[in-house]
């Protein structure tokens, strides 16, 4: 059998994983609805615990996206305390802290924000609530009763969504920042008190000329993340 045929599927997946990035500047034109629906149909095939398929989405586009953007940006700019349904990491330490810092400094350097410029950092952080100019934003939520298992399944769904989007030339960025205002999100979209907001996904065509999209983060080696146990 032709070895190229044998390896083609994994090569396609490897290419998608390599090309995907967290887009922080989007073009304003909306995606055709069939493109969005194809992304969703592909992501719906994500594996889940006991086949529960616990993810649900609220997707805002057009005027609805602008209205949601105004609400979220206003809340984030107010300085009022915010709450999320899932606790923020207690601490980033060791290699996890190093990776987080590297990613942040790569972004700031690409935008010409000097190291230590806290005002510049804060201004850029607010772009999360501008959805980085994306024409579409999805809120991923799950049932409270499923706890962490529902959230983990939603994480798998988010990965499938991003890879399906990448295959269609659509850029994405998963945003925990939007879930930090879970009560506001629930109120805005009319979600029940039993819904838990996992994250947001802003998506659209990427602005490839924008400096915020000019870098790529490094990936850990297998030696850093995998231990083989054979005996």
Protein backbone atom coordinates (compact mmCIF):
# COMPACT_ATOMS: atom_id res chain seq x y z
CA UNK A 1 0.00 0.00 0.00
CA UNK A 2 1.19 3.52 -0.82
CA UNK A 3 2.86 4.91 2.33
CA UNK A 4 1.72 8.40 1.39
CA UNK A 5 -1.90 7.30 1.66
CA UNK A 6 -1.16 5.69 5.01
CA UNK A 7 0.31 8.87 6.49
CA UNK A 8 -1.87 11.49 4.79
CA UNK A 9 -4.50 11.80 7.58
CA UNK A 10 -1.93 12.34 10.34
CA UNK A 11 -0.03 14.79 8.17
CA UNK A 12 -3.19 16.84 7.67
CA UNK A 13 -3.78 16.89 11.44
CA UNK A 14 -0.14 17.79 12.12
CA UNK A 15 -0.40 20.69 9.67
CA UNK A 16 -3.59 21.99 11.28
CA UNK A 17 -2.06 21.79 14.75
CA UNK A 18 1.08 23.58 13.55
CA UNK A 19 -0.81 26.33 11.71
CA UNK A 20 -3.40 27.06 14.42
CA UNK A 21 -2.63 30.04 16.60
CA UNK A 22 -4.44 32.34 19.02
CA UNK A 23 -5.50 35.18 16.75
CA UNK A 24 -5.41 38.61 18.37
CA UNK A 25 -6.50 40.72 15.40
CA UNK A 26 -9.38 39.87 13.06
CA UNK A 27 -10.75 41.32 9.86
CA UNK A 28 -14.24 42.81 10.34
CA UNK A 29 -16.14 40.98 7.58
CA UNK A 30 -18.46 38.24 8.87
CA UNK A 31 -18.20 34.59 7.93
CA UNK A 32 -20.86 33.03 5.70
CA UNK A 33 -23.37 31.13 7.84
CA UNK A 34 -22.65 27.82 6.01
CA UNK A 35 -18.99 28.13 7.03
CA UNK A 36 -19.94 28.57 10.69
CA UNK A 37 -22.37 25.66 10.50
CA UNK A 38 -19.72 23.41 8.97
CA UNK A 39 -17.34 24.21 11.82
CA UNK A 40 -20.06 23.41 14.32
CA UNK A 41 -21.01 20.16 12.58
CA UNK A 42 -17.40 18.98 12.67
CA UNK A 43 -16.88 19.96 16.31
CA UNK A 44 -20.08 18.16 17.30
CA UNK A 45 -18.24 14.87 16.66
CA UNK A 46 -16.00 15.50 19.70
CA UNK A 47 -15.72 12.59 22.14
CA UNK A 48 -17.30 13.11 25.56
CA UNK A 49 -17.62 11.33 28.90
CA UNK A 50 -20.49 8.79 28.68
CA UNK A 51 -21.47 10.43 25.36
CA UNK A 52 -23.02 13.26 27.38
CA UNK A 53 -22.03 15.91 24.77
CA UNK A 54 -22.45 18.59 27.45
CA UNK A 55 -21.40 21.65 25.44
CA UNK A 56 -23.88 24.29 24.41
CA UNK A 57 -23.06 27.51 22.60
CA UNK A 58 -24.49 30.99 22.34
CA UNK A 59 -23.04 32.65 19.22
CA UNK A 60 -23.30 36.41 18.73
CA UNK A 61 -22.78 38.00 15.32
CA UNK A 62 -23.52 41.37 13.74
CA UNK A 63 -25.42 43.78 15.97
CA UNK A 64 -25.67 41.15 18.71
CA UNK A 65 -21.87 40.81 18.82
CA UNK A 66 -21.50 44.60 19.07
CA UNK A 67 -24.04 44.77 21.91
CA UNK A 68 -22.27 41.95 23.79
CA UNK A 69 -18.88 43.61 23.15
CA UNK A 70 -20.11 46.89 24.63
CA UNK A 71 -21.46 45.12 27.72
CA UNK A 72 -18.32 43.09 28.33
CA UNK A 73 -15.89 45.93 27.61
CA UNK A 74 -17.78 48.20 29.94
CA UNK A 75 -17.74 45.64 32.74
CA UNK A 76 -14.02 44.92 32.30
CA UNK A 77 -13.19 48.64 32.23
CA UNK A 78 -15.17 49.42 35.38
CA UNK A 79 -12.69 47.81 37.73
CA UNK A 80 -15.48 46.09 39.64
CA UNK A 81 -14.77 42.57 41.00
CA UNK A 82 -15.69 39.76 38.66
CA UNK A 83 -16.43 36.11 39.31
CA UNK A 84 -16.11 32.97 37.23
CA UNK A 85 -17.76 29.60 37.61
CA UNK A 86 -14.41 27.79 37.67
CA UNK A 87 -11.51 28.87 39.91
CA UNK A 88 -8.51 30.54 38.36
CA UNK A 89 -5.24 28.58 38.79
CA UNK A 90 -4.02 29.01 42.35
CA UNK A 91 -0.48 29.64 41.14
CA UNK A 92 1.67 29.53 38.02
CA UNK A 93 5.10 28.25 39.02
CA UNK A 94 8.22 26.71 37.51
CA UNK A 95 8.04 25.93 33.82
CA UNK A 96 4.33 26.89 33.68
CA UNK A 97 5.16 30.41 34.86
CA UNK A 98 8.04 30.59 32.37
CA UNK A 99 5.78 29.62 29.47
CA UNK A 100 3.12 32.09 30.52
CA UNK A 101 5.63 34.92 30.75
CA UNK A 102 7.22 34.02 27.43
CA UNK A 103 3.86 34.11 25.68
CA UNK A 104 2.98 37.46 27.22
CA UNK A 105 6.29 39.09 26.43
CA UNK A 106 6.16 37.83 22.84
CA UNK A 107 2.82 39.59 22.42
CA UNK A 108 3.96 42.79 24.10
CA UNK A 109 7.20 42.87 22.12
CA UNK A 110 5.33 42.41 18.84
CA UNK A 111 3.13 45.40 19.72
CA UNK A 112 6.01 47.58 20.93
CA UNK A 113 4.83 47.64 24.53
CA UNK A 114 7.92 48.13 26.75
CA UNK A 115 8.59 45.59 29.48
CA UNK A 116 7.18 46.85 32.76
CA UNK A 117 4.62 49.13 31.10
CA UNK A 118 1.67 48.14 33.28
CA UNK A 119 -0.66 50.64 31.64
CA UNK A 120 0.20 49.17 28.25
CA UNK A 121 -0.38 45.64 29.56
CA UNK A 122 -3.78 46.63 30.95
CA UNK A 123 -4.84 48.33 27.73
CA UNK A 124 -3.94 45.26 25.71
CA UNK A 125 -5.72 42.99 28.21
CA UNK A 126 -8.94 44.93 27.55
CA UNK A 127 -8.76 43.82 23.92
CA UNK A 128 -10.01 40.46 25.18
CA UNK A 129 -13.35 42.17 25.76
CA UNK A 130 -13.24 43.78 22.34
CA UNK A 131 -12.95 40.20 21.03
CA UNK A 132 -9.82 41.43 19.23
CA UNK A 133 -12.12 42.83 16.56
CA UNK A 134 -13.65 39.44 15.70
CA UNK A 135 -17.07 39.55 13.98
CA UNK A 136 -18.28 36.48 15.88
CA UNK A 137 -18.01 35.29 19.47
CA UNK A 138 -19.24 32.01 20.95
CA UNK A 139 -19.88 31.38 24.63
CA UNK A 140 -19.37 27.74 25.61
CA UNK A 141 -21.42 26.63 28.61
CA UNK A 142 -22.36 23.39 30.31
CA UNK A 143 -24.63 21.93 32.99
CA UNK A 144 -23.66 22.71 36.60
CA UNK A 145 -24.43 19.14 37.71
CA UNK A 146 -21.68 17.72 35.46
CA UNK A 147 -18.97 19.59 37.35
CA UNK A 148 -15.40 19.30 36.13
CA UNK A 149 -16.28 16.46 33.75
CA UNK A 150 -18.56 18.74 31.77
CA UNK A 151 -15.84 21.41 31.64
CA UNK A 152 -13.22 18.89 30.45
CA UNK A 153 -15.53 17.70 27.67
CA UNK A 154 -16.07 21.32 26.66
CA UNK A 155 -12.30 21.73 26.46
CA UNK A 156 -12.17 18.89 23.97
CA UNK A 157 -14.96 20.53 22.00
CA UNK A 158 -13.09 23.84 21.89
CA UNK A 159 -10.05 22.10 20.38
CA UNK A 160 -12.21 20.44 17.73
CA UNK A 161 -13.87 23.78 16.96
CA UNK A 162 -10.51 25.51 16.51
CA UNK A 163 -9.08 22.79 14.25
CA UNK A 164 -12.21 22.67 12.11
CA UNK A 165 -12.06 26.44 11.78
CA UNK A 166 -8.37 26.31 10.86
CA UNK A 167 -9.16 23.80 8.11
CA UNK A 168 -11.54 26.37 6.59
CA UNK A 169 -9.13 29.31 6.85
CA UNK A 170 -10.90 30.74 9.90
CA UNK A 171 -8.89 32.00 12.86
CA UNK A 172 -9.87 31.58 16.52
CA UNK A 173 -8.86 32.46 20.03
CA UNK A 174 -10.23 30.69 23.13
CA UNK A 175 -10.88 33.21 25.90
CA UNK A 176 -11.12 32.34 29.56
CA UNK A 177 -11.36 36.09 30.19
CA UNK A 178 -14.97 36.10 29.02
CA UNK A 179 -15.83 33.42 31.57
CA UNK A 180 -14.53 35.62 34.40
CA UNK A 181 -17.82 37.54 34.11
CA UNK A 182 -20.06 34.48 34.20
CA UNK A 183 -23.00 36.14 35.95
CA UNK A 184 -23.04 38.93 33.39
CA UNK A 185 -22.78 36.44 30.52
CA UNK A 186 -25.69 34.40 31.87
CA UNK A 187 -27.82 37.49 32.24
CA UNK A 188 -26.97 38.82 28.79
CA UNK A 189 -27.81 35.58 26.97
CA UNK A 190 -30.70 34.56 29.22
CA UNK A 191 -28.98 31.40 30.44
CA UNK A 192 -30.34 29.58 33.46
CA UNK A 193 -28.67 29.57 36.86
CA UNK A 194 -27.77 25.92 36.26
CA UNK A 195 -25.48 26.82 33.35
CA UNK A 196 -21.72 27.13 33.89
CA UNK A 197 -19.71 29.33 31.54
CA UNK A 198 -16.53 27.56 30.45
CA UNK A 199 -14.98 30.03 28.01
CA UNK A 200 -15.54 32.17 24.96
CA UNK A 201 -14.23 31.67 21.42
CA UNK A 202 -13.79 34.71 19.21
CA UNK A 203 -13.49 33.81 15.54
CA UNK A 204 -13.36 35.20 12.01
CA UNK A 205 -10.88 35.80 9.22
CA UNK A 206 -7.43 36.74 10.57
CA UNK A 207 -5.77 40.09 9.97
CA UNK A 208 -2.40 38.64 8.97
CA UNK A 209 -0.80 42.08 8.63
CA UNK A 210 -1.42 43.01 12.27
CA UNK A 211 1.63 42.90 14.52
CA UNK A 212 -0.30 40.97 17.20
CA UNK A 213 -0.36 38.00 14.82
CA UNK A 214 3.33 38.15 13.91
CA UNK A 215 4.69 35.62 16.41
CA UNK A 216 4.16 31.98 17.37
CA UNK A 217 4.70 30.47 20.80
CA UNK A 218 7.13 27.59 21.24
CA UNK A 219 5.94 24.09 22.10
CA UNK A 220 7.37 21.85 24.81
CA UNK A 221 9.27 18.77 23.70
CA UNK A 222 8.01 15.25 24.30
CA UNK A 223 10.83 14.80 26.80
CA UNK A 224 9.34 17.64 28.85
CA UNK A 225 5.81 16.25 28.91
CA UNK A 226 5.84 12.46 28.45
CA UNK A 227 7.10 9.58 30.53
CA UNK A 228 7.04 6.10 28.96
CA UNK A 229 6.54 3.26 31.42
CA UNK A 230 7.19 -0.15 29.84
CA UNK A 231 7.67 -2.39 32.86
